[in-house]
N, C-alpha and C. Protein backbone atom coordinates (compact mmCIF):
# COMPACT_ATOMS: atom_id res chain seq x y z
N MET A 1 0.72 -1.20 -0.31
CA MET A 1 -0.46 -0.14 -0.11
C MET A 1 0.88 1.26 -0.36
N SER A 2 1.64 2.06 0.29
CA SER A 2 2.98 2.44 0.22
C SER A 2 3.00 2.46 -1.08
N ARG A 3 3.45 4.21 -1.47
CA ARG A 3 3.77 4.27 -2.09
C ARG A 3 4.67 5.54 -2.31
N ARG A 4 5.95 5.45 -3.15
CA ARG A 4 6.45 6.77 -3.18
C ARG A 4 6.25 8.15 -3.45
N ALA A 5 6.93 8.88 -2.85
CA ALA A 5 6.78 10.33 -2.73
C ALA A 5 8.18 10.85 -3.39
N ASP A 6 8.61 12.08 -4.16
CA ASP A 6 9.41 12.74 -3.79
C ASP A 6 10.23 13.51 -3.32
N ALA A 7 9.08 14.13 -2.31
CA ALA A 7 9.04 15.53 -1.54
C ALA A 7 9.03 14.44 -0.04
N GLY A 8 11.02 15.25 0.63
CA GLY A 8 11.06 14.43 1.29
C GLY A 8 11.94 13.22 0.86
N ALA A 9 11.98 12.42 0.13
CA ALA A 9 12.47 11.23 0.49
C ALA A 9 13.59 10.91 0.60
N GLU A 10 14.72 12.68 0.55
CA GLU A 10 15.95 11.73 0.88
C GLU A 10 15.92 12.31 2.21
N THR A 11 14.69 12.01 3.01
CA THR A 11 15.49 12.28 5.11
C THR A 11 14.59 10.71 5.10
N CYS A 12 13.53 10.23 3.98
CA CYS A 12 12.62 9.17 4.53
C CYS A 12 12.73 8.26 3.49
N GLN A 13 13.20 7.13 4.24
CA GLN A 13 13.13 5.21 3.59
C GLN A 13 11.92 5.28 3.91
N ALA A 14 10.40 4.88 4.03
CA ALA A 14 9.39 5.02 3.52
C ALA A 14 9.52 2.82 3.66
N HIS A 15 9.53 1.72 5.41
CA HIS A 15 8.99 0.33 4.75
C HIS A 15 7.57 -0.11 5.69
N THR A 16 7.10 -0.75 4.92
CA THR A 16 5.72 -1.70 5.00
C THR A 16 5.99 -3.08 5.31
N GLY A 17 4.62 -3.46 6.24
CA GLY A 17 5.07 -5.21 6.43
C GLY A 17 6.05 -6.04 7.14
N CYS A 18 6.71 -5.15 8.19
CA CYS A 18 7.81 -5.43 8.84
C CYS A 18 7.88 -5.37 10.10
N GLY A 19 6.58 -4.39 10.40
CA GLY A 19 6.52 -3.89 11.85
C GLY A 19 7.59 -2.50 11.48
N THR A 20 7.76 -1.73 11.30
CA THR A 20 9.30 -0.80 11.47
C THR A 20 8.68 0.29 11.07
N GLY A 21 7.76 1.20 10.10
CA GLY A 21 6.82 1.86 9.01
C GLY A 21 8.27 3.58 8.78
N PRO A 22 7.64 4.29 9.04
CA PRO A 22 8.13 5.21 8.17
C PRO A 22 9.80 5.57 8.61
N VAL A 23 10.54 5.57 7.93
CA VAL A 23 12.00 5.85 9.29
C VAL A 23 12.98 7.22 8.76
N PHE A 24 12.81 7.32 10.33
CA PHE A 24 13.39 9.06 10.15
C PHE A 24 14.24 9.29 11.04
N PHE A 25 15.37 10.12 11.52
CA PHE A 25 16.03 9.78 12.11
C PHE A 25 16.82 9.18 13.26
N ARG A 26 16.84 8.87 14.19
CA ARG A 26 18.28 8.32 14.26
C ARG A 26 17.95 7.01 15.38
N GLU A 27 16.87 7.49 17.04
CA GLU A 27 15.88 6.62 17.51
C GLU A 27 15.06 6.07 17.36
N TRP A 28 15.09 4.93 17.59
CA TRP A 28 13.30 4.13 17.82
C TRP A 28 12.82 4.56 18.65
N ASP A 29 11.44 4.72 18.62
CA ASP A 29 10.48 5.73 19.89
C ASP A 29 9.47 4.05 19.44
N ASP A 30 8.63 3.73 20.18
CA ASP A 30 7.85 3.00 21.07
C ASP A 30 6.97 2.06 19.92
N VAL A 31 6.63 3.22 19.30
CA VAL A 31 5.77 2.44 17.55
C VAL A 31 5.83 2.36 16.23
N GLY A 32 7.89 2.51 16.69
CA GLY A 32 8.12 1.57 15.46
C GLY A 32 8.54 2.51 13.97
N SER A 33 8.77 4.09 14.72
CA SER A 33 9.66 4.76 13.96
C SER A 33 10.46 5.64 14.69
N TYR A 34 11.70 6.41 13.86
CA TYR A 34 11.78 6.77 14.38
C TYR A 34 11.83 8.55 15.39
N SER A 35 13.14 8.76 16.29
CA SER A 35 12.64 10.29 17.12
C SER A 35 12.10 11.40 16.29
N TRP A 36 10.71 12.29 16.47
CA TRP A 36 10.54 12.93 16.55
C TRP A 36 10.63 14.33 16.89
N PRO A 37 10.86 15.45 16.70
CA PRO A 37 11.21 16.63 17.62
C PRO A 37 10.25 17.11 18.59
N LEU A 38 8.95 16.86 17.65
CA LEU A 38 7.75 17.14 18.44
C LEU A 38 7.02 16.28 18.03
N ARG A 39 6.08 15.57 18.94
CA ARG A 39 5.55 14.92 19.17
C ARG A 39 4.12 14.76 20.38
N THR A 40 2.90 13.96 20.18
CA THR A 40 2.16 13.76 21.12
C THR A 40 0.92 12.90 20.31
N HIS A 41 0.02 12.05 21.31
CA HIS A 41 -0.32 11.06 20.98
C HIS A 41 -2.25 11.48 22.16
N LEU A 42 -2.67 10.74 20.88
CA LEU A 42 -4.24 10.33 22.05
C LEU A 42 -4.65 8.93 21.45
N GLU A 43 -5.10 9.04 22.75
CA GLU A 43 -6.11 7.24 23.17
C GLU A 43 -8.19 8.34 23.06
N LEU A 44 -8.59 7.37 21.85
CA LEU A 44 -9.28 7.31 22.24
C LEU A 44 -10.68 6.62 21.85
N ALA A 45 -11.55 6.50 22.45
CA ALA A 45 -12.69 5.26 22.55
C ALA A 45 -12.91 5.18 20.80
N ALA A 46 -13.47 3.90 20.39
CA ALA A 46 -13.77 3.29 19.73
C ALA A 46 -15.34 3.70 18.80
N LEU A 47 -15.83 5.22 19.24
CA LEU A 47 -17.38 5.53 18.94
C LEU A 47 -16.65 7.03 17.48
N SER A 48 -18.31 7.89 17.42
CA SER A 48 -18.22 7.91 15.84
C SER A 48 -17.35 9.36 16.61
N SER A 49 -17.77 10.35 18.30
CA SER A 49 -17.30 10.89 18.29
C SER A 49 -15.88 11.06 18.43
N ALA A 50 -14.97 10.27 18.39
CA ALA A 50 -13.91 10.53 17.94
C ALA A 50 -12.62 10.39 17.28
N VAL A 51 -14.09 11.23 16.66
CA VAL A 51 -13.07 11.88 14.89
C VAL A 51 -13.23 12.62 15.00
N PRO A 52 -13.93 13.93 15.14
CA PRO A 52 -13.80 15.04 16.01
C PRO A 52 -13.52 16.14 16.60
N CYS A 53 -13.00 14.83 17.74
CA CYS A 53 -12.26 14.40 18.79
C CYS A 53 -10.53 14.70 17.78
N ALA A 54 -10.28 13.96 17.49
CA ALA A 54 -9.19 13.53 17.15
C ALA A 54 -8.51 15.39 15.96
N ARG A 55 -9.37 15.31 15.07
CA ARG A 55 -9.57 16.86 14.78
C ARG A 55 -9.47 17.70 14.90
N LEU A 56 -9.56 17.86 16.05
CA LEU A 56 -9.56 18.60 16.72
C LEU A 56 -8.35 18.74 17.52
N HIS A 57 -7.72 18.09 17.86
CA HIS A 57 -6.40 17.65 18.98
C HIS A 57 -5.54 17.29 17.71
N ALA A 58 -5.91 17.48 16.66
CA ALA A 58 -4.69 17.66 14.71
C ALA A 58 -5.00 19.27 14.91
N LYS A 59 -5.70 20.02 14.52
CA LYS A 59 -5.36 21.44 14.57
C LYS A 59 -5.04 22.13 15.41
N GLN A 60 -5.44 21.98 16.18
CA GLN A 60 -4.60 22.46 17.36
C GLN A 60 -3.13 22.96 18.27
N VAL A 61 -2.57 21.62 17.70
CA VAL A 61 -1.28 20.78 18.12
C VAL A 61 -1.31 21.36 16.95
N LEU A 62 -1.28 21.48 15.49
CA LEU A 62 -0.31 21.74 14.90
C LEU A 62 0.06 23.13 13.99
N TRP A 63 -0.85 24.23 15.56
CA TRP A 63 -1.65 25.45 15.79
C TRP A 63 -0.24 25.09 16.41
N GLU A 64 -0.04 25.09 17.45
CA GLU A 64 1.14 24.63 19.08
C GLU A 64 2.24 25.09 17.65
N TRP A 65 2.45 24.12 16.98
CA TRP A 65 3.74 23.90 16.69
C TRP A 65 4.01 24.63 15.29
N GLY A 66 3.09 26.10 15.17
CA GLY A 66 3.90 26.78 13.60
C GLY A 66 3.75 25.96 12.35
N LEU A 67 2.57 24.79 12.63
CA LEU A 67 2.26 24.32 11.24
C LEU A 67 0.71 24.70 11.04
N SER A 68 0.21 25.93 11.00
CA SER A 68 -1.18 25.96 11.27
C SER A 68 -1.33 26.20 8.97
N HIS A 69 -0.96 25.92 8.16
CA HIS A 69 -0.63 26.20 7.38
C HIS A 69 -0.96 24.94 7.04
N LEU A 70 -0.64 23.79 7.16
CA LEU A 70 -1.06 22.26 7.18
C LEU A 70 -2.68 22.00 7.51
N ALA A 71 -2.81 22.60 7.90
CA ALA A 71 -3.96 22.13 9.27
C ALA A 71 -5.14 21.62 8.12
N GLU A 72 -5.78 22.28 7.64
CA GLU A 72 -6.11 21.48 6.83
C GLU A 72 -6.25 20.10 6.13
N THR A 73 -5.07 20.05 5.54
CA THR A 73 -4.59 18.37 5.03
C THR A 73 -4.43 17.51 6.01
N VAL A 74 -3.78 17.99 7.06
CA VAL A 74 -3.59 17.02 8.15
C VAL A 74 -5.47 16.35 8.82
N THR A 75 -5.49 17.82 9.13
CA THR A 75 -7.54 16.95 10.15
C THR A 75 -8.12 16.01 8.93
N LEU A 76 -7.14 16.74 7.57
CA LEU A 76 -8.73 16.06 6.81
C LEU A 76 -8.16 14.41 6.95
N VAL A 77 -6.79 14.22 6.59
CA VAL A 77 -6.26 12.65 6.65
C VAL A 77 -6.46 12.14 7.85
N VAL A 78 -6.02 12.58 9.50
CA VAL A 78 -6.42 12.35 10.79
C VAL A 78 -8.06 11.78 10.58
N SER A 79 -8.55 13.29 9.84
CA SER A 79 -10.18 11.79 10.00
C SER A 79 -10.80 11.49 8.85
N GLU A 80 -10.08 11.00 8.18
CA GLU A 80 -10.81 9.81 7.33
C GLU A 80 -9.93 8.40 8.13
N LEU A 81 -8.34 8.53 8.40
CA LEU A 81 -7.37 7.89 9.01
C LEU A 81 -8.30 6.86 10.58
N VAL A 82 -8.53 8.05 11.68
CA VAL A 82 -8.77 7.52 12.11
C VAL A 82 -10.83 7.38 11.50
N THR A 83 -11.91 7.79 11.37
CA THR A 83 -13.25 7.08 10.44
C THR A 83 -13.04 5.34 9.85
N ASN A 84 -11.51 5.54 9.12
CA ASN A 84 -11.38 4.02 9.04
C ASN A 84 -11.23 2.93 10.52
N SER A 85 -10.27 3.44 11.53
CA SER A 85 -10.21 3.26 12.36
C SER A 85 -11.79 2.63 13.93
N VAL A 86 -11.53 3.48 13.68
CA VAL A 86 -13.73 3.23 14.37
C VAL A 86 -14.45 2.09 13.59
N HIS A 87 -14.39 2.07 12.31
CA HIS A 87 -14.99 1.51 11.78
C HIS A 87 -14.67 -0.25 11.58
N ALA A 88 -13.16 -0.22 11.53
CA ALA A 88 -11.94 -1.59 11.65
C ALA A 88 -12.10 -2.35 13.92
N SER A 89 -12.97 -1.59 13.84
CA SER A 89 -12.67 -1.67 16.02
C SER A 89 -13.94 -2.37 15.57
N LYS A 90 -15.27 -1.97 15.24
CA LYS A 90 -16.88 -2.25 14.70
C LYS A 90 -16.40 -3.75 15.42
N GLY A 91 -17.00 -4.42 16.18
CA GLY A 91 -17.42 -5.79 16.68
C GLY A 91 -16.01 -6.90 17.49
N LEU A 92 -15.05 -5.77 17.67
CA LEU A 92 -14.04 -6.67 17.84
C LEU A 92 -14.72 -7.03 19.57
N ILE A 93 -13.61 -7.63 19.98
CA ILE A 93 -14.13 -8.44 21.67
C ILE A 93 -12.48 -8.04 22.56
N GLY A 94 -11.83 -7.90 22.21
CA GLY A 94 -10.43 -7.93 22.89
C GLY A 94 -9.32 -7.66 21.87
N SER A 95 -8.65 -6.79 22.11
CA SER A 95 -7.19 -6.65 21.48
C SER A 95 -5.56 -6.82 23.23
N ARG A 96 -4.46 -6.84 21.36
CA ARG A 96 -3.56 -6.36 21.87
C ARG A 96 -2.17 -5.80 21.59
N TYR A 97 -2.17 -5.41 22.94
CA TYR A 97 -1.47 -3.88 22.25
C TYR A 97 0.20 -4.47 23.43
N ASN A 98 1.43 -3.44 23.25
CA ASN A 98 2.77 -3.92 23.64
C ASN A 98 2.87 -4.83 24.32
N GLY A 99 2.53 -5.87 23.98
CA GLY A 99 2.44 -7.01 24.88
C GLY A 99 1.23 -7.47 25.85
N GLN A 100 0.46 -5.84 26.18
CA GLN A 100 -0.75 -6.93 27.15
C GLN A 100 -1.99 -6.74 26.46
N TRP A 101 -3.50 -7.73 26.69
CA TRP A 101 -4.32 -8.25 26.63
C TRP A 101 -5.19 -7.42 26.98
N SER A 102 -6.67 -6.88 25.72
CA SER A 102 -7.12 -5.87 26.78
C SER A 102 -8.17 -6.33 26.38
N PRO A 103 -9.47 -6.52 27.32
CA PRO A 103 -10.41 -7.71 26.81
C PRO A 103 -11.66 -5.70 26.87
N GLY A 104 -12.48 -6.01 25.55
CA GLY A 104 -13.45 -5.41 25.15
C GLY A 104 -13.81 -4.71 24.14
N THR A 105 -13.27 -3.34 23.82
CA THR A 105 -13.49 -2.80 22.48
C THR A 105 -11.77 -1.89 22.36
N PRO A 106 -11.53 -2.17 20.87
CA PRO A 106 -10.38 -1.70 21.82
C PRO A 106 -9.99 -0.21 21.35
N PRO A 107 -9.30 0.55 21.79
CA PRO A 107 -9.51 2.42 21.11
C PRO A 107 -8.81 2.29 20.49
N VAL A 108 -8.67 3.66 19.83
CA VAL A 108 -7.98 3.88 18.63
C VAL A 108 -6.85 4.93 19.29
N ARG A 109 -5.57 4.31 19.10
CA ARG A 109 -4.96 5.50 19.20
C ARG A 109 -3.98 6.28 18.21
N MET A 110 -3.30 7.48 18.68
CA MET A 110 -3.08 8.49 17.64
C MET A 110 -2.58 8.17 17.96
N TRP A 111 -0.76 9.07 16.54
CA TRP A 111 0.29 10.46 16.67
C TRP A 111 0.23 11.14 15.82
N LEU A 112 0.75 12.06 16.98
CA LEU A 112 1.38 13.34 15.38
C LEU A 112 2.79 13.65 15.38
N GLN A 113 3.59 13.55 15.02
CA GLN A 113 4.85 13.32 14.60
C GLN A 113 5.12 14.93 14.11
N SER A 114 6.17 15.72 14.02
CA SER A 114 7.33 16.51 13.33
C SER A 114 8.09 16.40 13.26
N ASP A 115 8.80 17.30 11.95
CA ASP A 115 9.76 17.68 11.85
C ASP A 115 10.32 19.24 11.58
N ARG A 116 8.84 19.44 11.19
CA ARG A 116 8.56 21.39 11.28
C ARG A 116 8.35 21.41 9.81
N GLU A 117 9.37 19.96 8.80
CA GLU A 117 8.85 20.13 7.93
C GLU A 117 7.96 18.94 7.63
N LEU A 118 7.96 18.07 7.44
CA LEU A 118 6.82 16.64 7.26
C LEU A 118 5.85 16.29 8.89
N VAL A 119 5.32 16.42 8.50
CA VAL A 119 4.42 15.75 9.56
C VAL A 119 3.53 14.11 9.68
N LEU A 120 4.29 13.22 10.39
CA LEU A 120 3.53 11.34 10.31
C LEU A 120 2.50 11.56 11.28
N ILE A 121 1.76 11.36 10.57
CA ILE A 121 0.06 10.47 11.68
C ILE A 121 0.19 9.35 11.26
N GLN A 122 -0.61 7.84 12.74
CA GLN A 122 0.06 6.79 13.02
C GLN A 122 -1.80 6.57 13.56
N VAL A 123 -2.05 6.04 12.90
CA VAL A 123 -3.30 5.67 13.67
C VAL A 123 -3.18 3.84 13.50
N TRP A 124 -3.48 3.24 15.13
CA TRP A 124 -3.83 2.12 15.32
C TRP A 124 -5.24 1.41 15.64
N ASP A 125 -5.78 0.78 15.31
CA ASP A 125 -6.69 0.11 15.98
C ASP A 125 -6.38 -1.44 15.94
N GLY A 126 -7.56 -2.12 16.67
CA GLY A 126 -6.84 -3.65 17.48
C GLY A 126 -7.24 -5.14 15.73
N ASN A 127 -7.66 -4.57 14.95
CA ASN A 127 -7.91 -5.01 13.14
C ASN A 127 -6.68 -5.42 12.76
N GLU A 128 -7.04 -7.03 12.73
CA GLU A 128 -5.93 -7.04 12.26
C GLU A 128 -5.77 -7.15 10.34
N GLN A 129 -6.62 -6.97 9.82
CA GLN A 129 -7.66 -6.86 8.21
C GLN A 129 -6.65 -5.28 7.33
N MET A 130 -5.38 -5.72 7.34
CA MET A 130 -5.48 -4.43 6.75
C MET A 130 -6.62 -3.41 5.27
N PRO A 131 -5.20 -2.44 5.65
CA PRO A 131 -6.75 -1.94 4.81
C PRO A 131 -6.00 -1.69 2.93
N GLU A 132 -7.61 -1.25 2.13
CA GLU A 132 -7.20 -1.54 0.91
C GLU A 132 -8.11 -0.38 0.39
N VAL A 133 -7.18 0.26 -0.60
CA VAL A 133 -8.10 1.60 -1.06
C VAL A 133 -8.85 0.83 -2.33
N GLN A 134 -10.50 1.16 -1.75
CA GLN A 134 -11.50 1.46 -3.02
C GLN A 134 -12.05 1.99 -3.85
N GLN A 135 -12.59 0.87 -5.15
CA GLN A 135 -12.42 2.40 -5.91
C GLN A 135 -14.82 1.73 -6.26
N PRO A 136 -15.65 3.18 -4.97
CA PRO A 136 -16.69 2.36 -5.03
C PRO A 136 -17.49 3.48 -6.12
N GLU A 137 -18.84 3.71 -5.80
CA GLU A 137 -19.68 3.97 -6.96
C GLU A 137 -20.07 5.05 -7.04
N PRO A 138 -19.88 6.20 -7.73
CA PRO A 138 -19.81 7.43 -7.17
C PRO A 138 -21.59 8.48 -6.38
N ASP A 139 -23.11 6.66 -6.36
CA ASP A 139 -23.82 6.93 -5.56
C ASP A 139 -23.80 6.29 -4.12
N VAL A 140 -22.20 5.58 -3.84
CA VAL A 140 -22.59 5.14 -2.43
C VAL A 140 -20.80 6.15 -1.58
N GLU A 141 -21.89 6.01 0.17
CA GLU A 141 -21.47 7.55 0.96
C GLU A 141 -20.32 6.81 1.08
N HIS A 142 -19.22 5.63 1.07
CA HIS A 142 -18.29 4.89 2.49
C HIS A 142 -17.30 4.00 1.25
N GLY A 143 -16.15 4.40 1.48
CA GLY A 143 -15.63 3.44 0.79
C GLY A 143 -14.11 4.48 -0.15
N ARG A 144 -13.81 5.52 0.01
CA ARG A 144 -13.22 7.00 -0.21
C ARG A 144 -12.17 7.10 0.93
N GLY A 145 -12.16 6.84 1.79
CA GLY A 145 -10.78 7.36 3.14
C GLY A 145 -9.33 6.85 2.01
N LEU A 146 -8.87 5.79 1.84
CA LEU A 146 -7.66 5.79 1.34
C LEU A 146 -7.88 6.16 0.30
N PHE A 147 -8.80 6.76 -0.52
CA PHE A 147 -8.39 7.11 -1.80
C PHE A 147 -8.09 8.52 -1.31
N ILE A 148 -8.73 9.17 -0.94
CA ILE A 148 -8.67 11.14 0.26
C ILE A 148 -7.49 10.76 0.41
N VAL A 149 -6.93 10.09 1.39
CA VAL A 149 -5.27 9.98 1.58
C VAL A 149 -4.68 9.63 0.60
N GLU A 150 -4.37 8.67 -0.31
CA GLU A 150 -3.54 8.77 -1.07
C GLU A 150 -3.65 10.62 -1.89
N SER A 151 -4.19 10.67 -2.10
CA SER A 151 -4.49 11.79 -2.44
C SER A 151 -3.97 12.72 -2.22
N LEU A 152 -4.02 14.16 -0.73
CA LEU A 152 -3.68 14.17 0.23
C LEU A 152 -1.89 14.13 0.81
N SER A 153 -2.18 12.62 0.84
CA SER A 153 -0.46 13.24 1.56
C SER A 153 0.72 12.30 0.78
N ASP A 154 1.90 12.85 0.83
CA ASP A 154 3.23 12.00 0.42
C ASP A 154 3.86 10.88 -0.03
N ASP A 155 3.39 10.17 1.02
CA ASP A 155 3.54 8.46 1.80
C ASP A 155 2.38 7.99 2.14
N TYR A 156 2.12 7.41 2.49
CA TYR A 156 1.69 6.06 3.12
C TYR A 156 1.40 4.17 3.54
N GLY A 157 0.89 4.32 4.01
CA GLY A 157 0.56 2.74 4.63
C GLY A 157 0.13 2.26 5.62
N ALA A 158 0.46 0.87 5.71
CA ALA A 158 0.52 -0.27 7.67
C ALA A 158 1.14 -0.95 7.08
N TYR A 159 1.24 -1.06 8.53
CA TYR A 159 1.85 -2.25 9.05
C TYR A 159 1.09 -2.93 10.72
N PRO A 160 2.21 -4.29 10.74
CA PRO A 160 0.91 -4.79 12.33
C PRO A 160 2.64 -3.90 13.43
N LEU A 161 1.81 -3.79 14.59
CA LEU A 161 3.16 -3.92 14.93
C LEU A 161 3.22 -4.86 16.41
N GLU A 162 4.87 -4.88 16.24
CA GLU A 162 4.90 -6.56 16.34
C GLU A 162 4.68 -5.08 18.33
N ARG A 163 4.52 -7.32 18.91
CA ARG A 163 3.79 -7.37 21.07
C ARG A 163 1.68 -7.21 20.60
N SER A 164 1.20 -6.40 19.06
CA SER A 164 0.34 -6.26 19.33
C SER A 164 -0.38 -7.42 18.75
N SER A 165 -2.01 -6.73 18.31
CA SER A 165 -3.16 -6.73 17.32
C SER A 165 -3.19 -6.28 16.31
N GLY A 166 -4.06 -6.16 16.03
CA GLY A 166 -4.19 -5.24 15.27
C GLY A 166 -3.25 -4.11 13.86
N LYS A 167 -3.14 -3.43 13.93
CA LYS A 167 -2.03 -2.76 12.41
C LYS A 167 -2.44 -1.49 12.58
N LEU A 168 -1.35 -0.33 12.36
CA LEU A 168 -0.53 1.32 12.52
C LEU A 168 -0.79 1.62 11.81
N VAL A 169 -1.92 1.91 10.73
CA VAL A 169 -2.03 2.98 9.44
C VAL A 169 -0.84 4.21 8.93
N TRP A 170 -0.82 4.97 9.03
CA TRP A 170 0.86 5.99 8.64
C TRP A 170 0.45 7.03 7.48
N ALA A 171 0.50 8.39 7.34
CA ALA A 171 1.16 9.10 6.01
C ALA A 171 1.42 10.09 6.40
N LEU A 172 2.21 9.95 5.15
CA LEU A 172 2.79 12.10 5.79
C LEU A 172 2.78 13.06 5.28
N VAL A 173 2.62 13.84 5.26
CA VAL A 173 2.50 14.49 5.07
C VAL A 173 2.84 15.96 5.01
N SER A 174 3.53 16.65 3.45
CA SER A 174 4.92 17.96 4.03
C SER A 174 4.34 19.36 3.92
N ALA A 175 5.18 20.05 3.84
CA ALA A 175 4.68 21.74 3.72
C ALA A 175 4.41 22.16 2.25
N THR A 176 4.88 20.76 1.20
CA THR A 176 4.67 21.14 0.18
C THR A 176 3.19 20.60 -0.44
N GLN A 177 2.44 20.54 0.44
CA GLN A 177 1.76 19.25 -0.23
C GLN A 177 -0.16 19.61 0.90
N GLN A 178 -0.51 20.81 0.10
CA GLN A 178 -1.83 21.59 0.77
C GLN A 178 -2.67 21.93 -0.18
N LEU A 179 -4.25 21.69 0.54
CA LEU A 179 -4.96 21.41 0.28
C LEU A 179 -5.84 22.57 -0.95
N ASP A 180 -6.02 22.44 -1.96
CA ASP A 180 -6.59 24.11 -2.79
C ASP A 180 -7.73 23.72 -2.04
N THR A 181 -8.73 24.38 -1.59
CA THR A 181 -9.75 24.76 -1.13
C THR A 181 -10.76 25.24 -2.49
N SER A 182 -10.23 26.13 -3.12
CA SER A 182 -11.01 26.47 -4.13
C SER A 182 -10.71 25.23 -5.59
N LEU A 183 -10.30 23.92 -5.91
CA LEU A 183 -10.43 23.27 -6.48
C LEU A 183 -10.74 21.52 -5.86
N GLY A 184 -10.75 22.12 -4.57
CA GLY A 184 -10.39 19.92 -3.56
C GLY A 184 -9.99 19.48 -3.73
N ARG A 185 -9.34 20.39 -4.06
CA ARG A 185 -8.08 18.45 -4.40
C ARG A 185 -6.82 18.85 -3.81
N SER A 186 -5.68 17.90 -3.94
CA SER A 186 -4.51 18.27 -3.29
C SER A 186 -3.76 19.03 -4.05
N VAL A 187 -2.66 20.19 -3.58
CA VAL A 187 -1.63 20.35 -4.79
C VAL A 187 0.03 20.51 -4.52
N CYS A 188 0.58 20.20 -4.64
CA CYS A 188 2.58 21.37 -4.50
C CYS A 188 2.58 22.20 -4.74
N ARG A 189 3.05 22.69 -3.85
CA ARG A 189 3.70 24.41 -4.28
C ARG A 189 4.40 24.19 -3.91
């Protein structure tokens, strides 16, 4: 599912399917990516109300980081990834995260990380089924999430976490990838 993008390619080498995720900098952290100077984490119940909470959190954090110019793009990607994770969590009766089993519907976990030029969005859910880009009919209400993520991000992918059930879906947005609201699409600037 990962695709390469020229933007940031000199600093990014993405790995999918091996439990390591996008590779940046030197030190590993607990979600399988190299350390970023700016980072935040949010854990939400797998409910539809998680989506607006995640969007608001992303918007406020980007403002604090001085990256407000990326807010529209990042919040839309966050919205799609969290929505997919909430849907994927329905019907699950437990999950393993970081080696610990928890009964009940697993939460949705979101991480935002940045080096002030790139924003890495990561969302974990307890469902082991990997996401797939769909080609929905024009009149179908669902199924466009990953198509939107693919359109708005420089790179994206998914991989299982070691010692955890489920998967982590990630997307990378750069300062050159901004949402053109007049056209309703993503453009490189």
